[in-house]
Amino acid sequence: MIPPMISPATGIIQRDSALENHKLQFWCPVKSSCEFNNMIPKEFRHGFIGMVGNTPLIRFNNLSEKTGCEITAKAEHLNPGGSVKDRAALYLIKEAEEKGQSSKQMSLTTFLEKIDILNTLGADVRPVPAVPFDDPMNYNHQARRFAEGIENAIWTNQFDNISNRRAHFEMTGPEIWQQTDGRISAVTFSTGTGGTIAGVGSFLKSKNPNVKVILADPEGSVLYNYFKHGELKRSDGSSITEGIGQGRVTTNLQGAPIDDAVFVTDKEAVEMTFFLLHEEGFFVGASSGLNVAAAVKVRNEWKRLIQQGEVR
């Protein structure tokens, strides 16, 4: 049997008796209810859109035992499109519909497998070269120009449209708070658009200002140096991970309540990816491996601080 795919991870630290009253729980980035004439059971979903969100947490048993903390995965593969990005997509489309807009075409740079899936689903995909944001041929600028040049097309602008952030403030954040009974000390996220970490982080901080929000960043991104040292300087190398890391601070990321950042190499991400496959039975991508690796780094750093008496 092929193990299930899991979307990107996030880390949650909970307080408990272990580790001198500190216990860490980590999860990686389907339970809505609906009724029809009081005849449909609560767990039924309203079609495709009803499948978005309310994904369960899955415990990584071996990793939890190895680290001495609860580490879980939020099963975003159970969204109808198989990704955490379904949440942002839903809100971006809702906003377009509220404005009387619709979209039939898209331009993007991504892996061939995803392009094949989009083509199968009827999308008009226009692959473009991957170039920096300040290049006029960057896919964001090409998509905007393309949308402006044809009738009945919109550019959803997922990086700078704060409907992305709102989706995670209104959906993902409340889910995490409910699923952990509010016993959260810290969360960790990698980021591409910035919507997930900003939205979830803002919601959790609104419930408990003491929750720490920590960014996990891959090689070649500027965000680690930005949040650690205040400069938009790329870290050395480039990453095999897809969809995370950035060369700028997006509108979704501006003002995000980020307390700290963790740098994760591709080697660390890949090693965790294979650990999750061989020891846990979950077939995940490199970005998920990176997020779980970051969560373990946070756990180890907190353990060190606790042992030194710097955290109580």
Protein backbone atom coordinates (compact mmCIF):
# COMPACT_ATOMS: atom_id res chain seq x y z
CA MET A 1 0.00 0.00 0.00
CA ILE A 2 1.31 3.45 -0.87
CA PRO A 3 1.34 5.61 2.27
CA PRO A 4 -0.64 8.85 2.13
CA MET A 5 0.83 12.20 1.13
CA ILE A 6 0.84 14.91 3.77
CA SER A 7 1.07 18.62 3.14
CA PRO A 8 3.51 20.97 4.88
CA ALA A 9 4.07 20.77 8.58
CA THR A 10 3.73 23.08 11.47
CA GLY A 11 4.98 22.75 15.03
CA ILE A 12 3.01 23.19 18.20
CA ILE A 13 4.55 23.25 21.68
CA GLN A 14 2.30 22.31 24.59
CA ARG A 15 2.87 22.50 28.32
CA ASP A 16 2.89 19.23 30.29
CA SER A 17 4.87 17.42 32.99
CA ALA A 18 7.59 16.25 30.58
CA LEU A 19 10.68 18.37 30.04
CA GLU A 20 10.16 20.25 33.30
CA ASN A 21 6.53 21.09 32.52
CA HIS A 22 7.17 21.71 28.81
CA LYS A 23 5.79 19.35 26.20
CA LEU A 24 6.09 19.90 22.47
CA GLN A 25 3.53 18.86 19.90
CA PHE A 26 4.15 19.37 16.20
CA TRP A 27 1.84 19.06 13.23
CA CYS A 28 2.40 19.38 9.49
CA PRO A 29 0.61 22.48 7.13
CA VAL A 30 -12.11 16.54 7.67
CA LYS A 31 -14.62 17.62 9.80
CA SER A 32 -17.14 20.25 8.81
CA SER A 33 -20.79 19.56 9.46
CA CYS A 34 -23.80 20.18 7.25
CA GLU A 35 -27.51 19.47 7.24
CA PHE A 36 -30.14 19.23 4.53
CA ASN A 37 -33.73 19.41 5.71
CA ASN A 38 -32.48 17.88 8.98
CA MET A 39 -32.00 14.55 7.18
CA ILE A 40 -28.28 14.49 6.32
CA PRO A 41 -25.87 13.37 9.08
CA LYS A 42 -23.67 16.12 10.50
CA GLU A 43 -20.46 14.68 9.07
CA PHE A 44 -21.68 14.89 5.47
CA ARG A 45 -20.01 17.59 3.35
CA HIS A 46 -21.59 20.02 0.92
CA GLY A 47 -19.83 18.80 -2.21
CA PHE A 48 -16.33 19.77 -3.32
CA ILE A 49 -16.12 23.08 -1.42
CA GLY A 50 -17.37 21.40 1.74
CA MET A 51 -14.23 19.27 1.74
CA VAL A 52 -11.94 22.26 2.31
CA GLY A 53 -10.53 22.52 5.82
CA ASN A 54 -11.08 20.83 9.19
CA THR A 55 -8.33 18.30 8.52
CA PRO A 56 -7.35 15.94 11.36
CA LEU A 57 -4.13 15.76 13.32
CA ILE A 58 -2.13 12.53 12.98
CA ARG A 59 0.40 11.54 15.64
CA PHE A 60 3.89 10.50 14.51
CA ASN A 61 4.33 7.70 17.02
CA ASN A 62 8.03 6.92 16.53
CA LEU A 63 9.15 10.52 16.28
CA SER A 64 7.11 11.40 19.35
CA GLU A 65 8.79 8.64 21.33
CA LYS A 66 12.24 9.56 20.01
CA THR A 67 11.95 13.23 20.91
CA GLY A 68 9.97 12.83 24.10
CA CYS A 69 7.22 15.12 22.85
CA GLU A 70 3.97 14.82 20.94
CA ILE A 71 4.57 15.34 17.21
CA THR A 72 1.57 15.23 14.91
CA ALA A 73 0.77 15.92 11.24
CA LYS A 74 -2.17 17.99 10.07
CA ALA A 75 -3.42 15.97 7.13
CA GLU A 76 -3.84 18.68 4.51
CA HIS A 77 -3.84 16.03 1.79
CA LEU A 78 -7.48 15.47 2.74
CA ASN A 79 -8.44 18.82 1.24
CA PRO A 80 -10.17 18.19 -2.12
CA GLY A 81 -7.20 19.46 -4.13
CA GLY A 82 -4.76 17.59 -1.90
CA SER A 83 -3.08 20.69 -0.46
CA VAL A 84 -3.22 23.32 2.26
CA LYS A 85 -3.42 25.81 -0.63
CA ASP A 86 -7.06 24.81 -1.13
CA ARG A 87 -7.88 27.03 1.85
CA ALA A 88 -6.38 30.16 0.29
CA ALA A 89 -7.80 29.27 -3.12
CA LEU A 90 -11.31 29.08 -1.66
CA TYR A 91 -11.04 32.56 -0.18
CA LEU A 92 -9.41 34.05 -3.28
CA ILE A 93 -12.24 32.68 -5.43
CA LYS A 94 -14.86 33.87 -2.94
CA GLU A 95 -13.43 37.38 -3.11
CA ALA A 96 -13.49 37.32 -6.92
CA GLU A 97 -17.10 36.15 -6.95
CA GLU A 98 -18.09 38.85 -4.46
CA LYS A 99 -16.61 41.40 -6.88
CA GLY A 100 -18.45 39.85 -9.81
CA GLN A 101 -15.29 38.40 -11.31
CA SER A 102 -14.32 34.91 -12.44
CA SER A 103 -11.19 33.23 -13.74
CA LYS A 104 -10.65 30.57 -16.40
CA GLN A 105 -6.92 30.69 -17.07
CA MET A 106 -3.67 30.77 -15.13
CA SER A 107 0.07 31.23 -15.55
CA LEU A 108 2.54 29.54 -13.23
CA THR A 109 5.91 27.94 -12.72
CA THR A 110 5.73 24.52 -11.06
CA PHE A 111 6.51 20.83 -11.41
CA LEU A 112 5.32 18.95 -14.51
CA GLU A 113 3.15 16.61 -12.45
CA LYS A 114 1.09 19.53 -11.16
CA ILE A 115 0.76 20.98 -14.65
CA ASP A 116 -0.56 17.63 -15.91
CA ILE A 117 -3.14 17.54 -13.11
CA LEU A 118 -4.27 21.09 -13.85
CA ASN A 119 -4.59 20.30 -17.55
CA THR A 120 -6.65 17.23 -16.71
CA LEU A 121 -8.96 19.39 -14.62
CA GLY A 122 -9.48 21.74 -17.55
CA ALA A 123 -7.14 24.60 -16.64
CA ASP A 124 -5.31 26.60 -19.31
CA VAL A 125 -1.74 26.48 -17.94
CA ARG A 126 0.98 28.77 -19.29
CA PRO A 127 4.39 27.65 -17.88
CA VAL A 128 6.97 30.44 -17.55
CA PRO A 129 10.65 30.54 -16.49
CA ALA A 130 11.46 31.00 -12.80
CA VAL A 131 13.03 34.46 -12.46
CA PRO A 132 13.27 36.94 -9.53
CA PHE A 133 10.30 39.10 -8.58
CA ASP A 134 12.00 42.28 -9.80
CA ASP A 135 12.25 40.80 -13.31
CA PRO A 136 9.35 41.89 -15.59
CA MET A 137 9.12 38.26 -16.74
CA ASN A 138 8.47 36.97 -13.22
CA TYR A 139 5.37 34.78 -13.26
CA ASN A 140 3.45 37.19 -11.00
CA HIS A 141 3.88 40.05 -13.47
CA GLN A 142 3.16 37.83 -16.47
CA ALA A 143 -0.02 36.54 -14.85
CA ARG A 144 -1.17 40.08 -14.06
CA ARG A 145 -0.52 41.27 -17.63
CA PHE A 146 -2.19 38.20 -19.07
CA ALA A 147 -5.31 38.69 -16.93
CA GLU A 148 -5.50 42.37 -17.83
CA GLY A 149 -5.32 41.55 -21.53
CA ILE A 150 -8.27 39.19 -21.87
CA GLU A 151 -11.95 39.37 -21.05
CA ASN A 152 -13.41 37.62 -18.00
CA ALA A 153 -10.04 36.86 -16.37
CA ILE A 154 -8.60 37.87 -13.03
CA TRP A 155 -5.21 37.70 -11.37
CA THR A 156 -5.77 36.25 -7.90
CA ASN A 157 -2.39 37.55 -6.69
CA GLN A 158 -2.05 34.96 -3.91
CA PHE A 159 1.17 36.50 -2.54
CA ASP A 160 -0.26 39.97 -1.90
CA ASN A 161 -4.00 39.38 -1.71
CA ILE A 162 -4.78 39.26 2.01
CA SER A 163 -7.80 37.02 1.42
CA ASN A 164 -5.10 34.34 1.57
CA ARG A 165 -4.16 35.39 5.09
CA ARG A 166 -7.80 35.73 6.07
CA ALA A 167 -8.48 32.10 5.09
CA HIS A 168 -6.01 30.88 7.70
CA PHE A 169 -7.16 33.35 10.35
CA GLU A 170 -10.75 32.18 9.94
CA MET A 171 -10.16 28.46 9.22
CA THR A 172 -6.76 26.96 10.02
CA GLY A 173 -6.02 28.92 13.18
CA PRO A 174 -9.33 28.11 14.89
CA GLU A 175 -8.94 24.44 13.91
CA ILE A 176 -5.52 24.22 15.58
CA TRP A 177 -6.76 25.99 18.69
CA GLN A 178 -9.73 23.64 18.98
CA GLN A 179 -7.80 20.45 18.16
CA THR A 180 -5.15 21.20 20.80
CA ASP A 181 -7.63 22.50 23.38
CA GLY A 182 -5.69 25.75 23.34
CA ARG A 183 -2.63 24.16 24.98
CA ILE A 184 -0.12 25.73 22.60
CA SER A 185 3.19 27.35 23.44
CA ALA A 186 4.65 27.71 19.92
CA VAL A 187 3.99 26.97 16.25
CA THR A 188 6.45 26.66 13.37
CA PHE A 189 5.76 27.21 9.65
CA SER A 190 7.68 27.47 6.42
CA THR A 191 6.21 30.04 4.07
CA GLY A 192 5.83 30.99 0.44
CA THR A 193 3.00 33.51 0.20
CA GLY A 194 3.06 34.16 3.95
CA GLY A 195 -0.68 33.65 4.28
CA THR A 196 -0.60 30.56 6.49
CA ILE A 197 1.92 31.74 9.09
CA ALA A 198 0.42 35.24 9.22
CA GLY A 199 -3.19 34.10 9.47
CA VAL A 200 -2.68 31.24 11.91
CA GLY A 201 -0.14 33.19 13.94
CA SER A 202 -2.44 36.20 14.25
CA PHE A 203 -5.38 34.05 15.34
CA LEU A 204 -3.41 32.12 17.94
CA LYS A 205 -1.90 35.32 19.32
CA SER A 206 -5.44 36.73 19.62
CA LYS A 207 -6.32 33.75 21.81
CA ASN A 208 -3.05 33.70 23.76
CA PRO A 209 -0.42 36.44 23.21
CA ASN A 210 2.22 34.17 24.73
CA VAL A 211 2.08 31.71 21.81
CA LYS A 212 5.39 31.86 19.90
CA VAL A 213 5.24 31.95 16.10
CA ILE A 214 8.42 30.67 14.44
CA LEU A 215 9.27 30.72 10.73
CA ALA A 216 11.13 27.76 9.16
CA ASP A 217 13.16 28.80 6.11
CA PRO A 218 15.03 26.80 3.41
CA GLU A 219 18.33 27.51 1.69
CA GLY A 220 18.34 30.42 -0.77
CA SER A 221 15.52 32.36 0.92
CA VAL A 222 15.79 35.84 2.45
CA LEU A 223 13.28 35.39 5.26
CA TYR A 224 15.56 33.79 7.85
CA ASN A 225 18.01 36.69 7.64
CA TYR A 226 15.16 39.20 7.53
CA PHE A 227 13.54 38.03 10.75
CA LYS A 228 16.83 37.27 12.52
CA HIS A 229 18.93 40.23 11.36
CA GLY A 230 16.54 42.66 9.67
CA GLU A 231 18.09 42.39 6.20
CA LEU A 232 16.75 40.96 2.94
CA LYS A 233 19.80 38.80 2.27
CA ARG A 234 19.54 35.36 0.73
CA SER A 235 21.02 32.46 2.65
CA ASP A 236 23.66 30.44 0.81
CA GLY A 237 22.66 27.86 -1.79
CA SER A 238 19.29 27.00 -3.28
CA SER A 239 16.65 24.53 -2.16
CA ILE A 240 14.98 21.50 -3.71
CA THR A 241 11.82 22.34 -1.78
CA GLU A 242 8.95 23.74 -3.82
CA GLY A 243 6.58 26.53 -2.89
CA ILE A 244 8.42 27.79 0.19
CA GLY A 245 11.13 30.38 0.73
CA GLN A 246 10.97 33.93 -0.59
CA GLY A 247 13.02 36.74 -2.05
CA ARG A 248 10.82 39.49 -0.60
CA VAL A 249 8.34 40.27 2.15
CA THR A 250 4.89 39.75 0.65
CA THR A 251 1.84 41.79 1.64
CA ASN A 252 0.44 38.71 3.37
CA LEU A 253 3.63 38.46 5.43
CA GLN A 254 3.82 42.13 6.36
CA GLY A 255 3.04 42.61 10.03
CA ALA A 256 2.88 38.87 10.71
CA PRO A 257 3.49 38.19 14.42
CA ILE A 258 6.70 36.19 13.91
CA ASP A 259 8.84 35.81 17.02
CA ASP A 260 11.81 33.92 15.61
CA ALA A 261 13.15 32.04 12.56
CA VAL A 262 14.82 28.64 12.06
CA PHE A 263 17.11 27.79 9.12
CA VAL A 264 16.81 24.25 7.73
CA THR A 265 19.15 22.80 5.09
CA ASP A 266 18.01 20.52 2.28
CA LYS A 267 20.02 17.72 3.90
CA GLU A 268 18.07 18.08 7.13
CA ALA A 269 14.78 18.27 5.25
CA VAL A 270 15.50 15.16 3.15
CA GLU A 271 16.70 13.17 6.16
CA MET A 272 13.44 13.95 7.96
CA THR A 273 11.43 13.12 4.83
CA PHE A 274 12.94 9.63 4.73
CA PHE A 275 12.52 9.21 8.49
CA LEU A 276 8.82 9.94 8.13
CA LEU A 277 8.59 7.43 5.26
CA HIS A 278 10.53 4.56 6.81
CA GLU A 279 9.68 5.05 10.48
CA GLU A 280 6.17 6.51 10.32
CA GLY A 281 4.84 5.22 6.98
CA PHE A 282 4.00 8.65 5.58
CA PHE A 283 5.12 9.62 2.08
CA VAL A 284 5.67 13.39 2.28
CA GLY A 285 7.44 16.01 0.20
CA ALA A 286 10.59 17.91 1.09
CA SER A 287 8.71 20.95 2.40
CA SER A 288 6.89 18.75 4.91
CA GLY A 289 10.20 17.20 5.91
CA LEU A 290 11.64 20.68 6.36
CA ASN A 291 8.79 21.75 8.60
CA VAL A 292 9.02 18.71 10.84
CA ALA A 293 12.80 19.10 11.01
CA ALA A 294 12.27 22.70 12.07
CA ALA A 295 9.83 21.62 14.76
CA VAL A 296 12.40 19.20 16.16
CA LYS A 297 15.01 21.99 16.13
CA VAL A 298 12.67 24.20 18.14
CA ARG A 299 12.08 21.36 20.59
CA ASN A 300 15.82 20.80 21.05
CA GLU A 301 16.48 24.51 21.56
CA TRP A 302 13.71 24.78 24.14
CA LYS A 303 15.07 21.72 25.92
CA ARG A 304 18.51 23.34 26.06
CA LEU A 305 17.09 26.58 27.45
CA ILE A 306 15.03 24.69 30.01
CA GLN A 307 18.06 22.72 31.18
CA GLN A 308 20.00 25.98 31.53
CA GLY A 309 17.20 27.54 33.50
CA GLU A 310 16.47 30.20 30.87
CA VAL A 311 12.89 29.00 30.27
CA ARG A 312 10.47 28.14 33.04
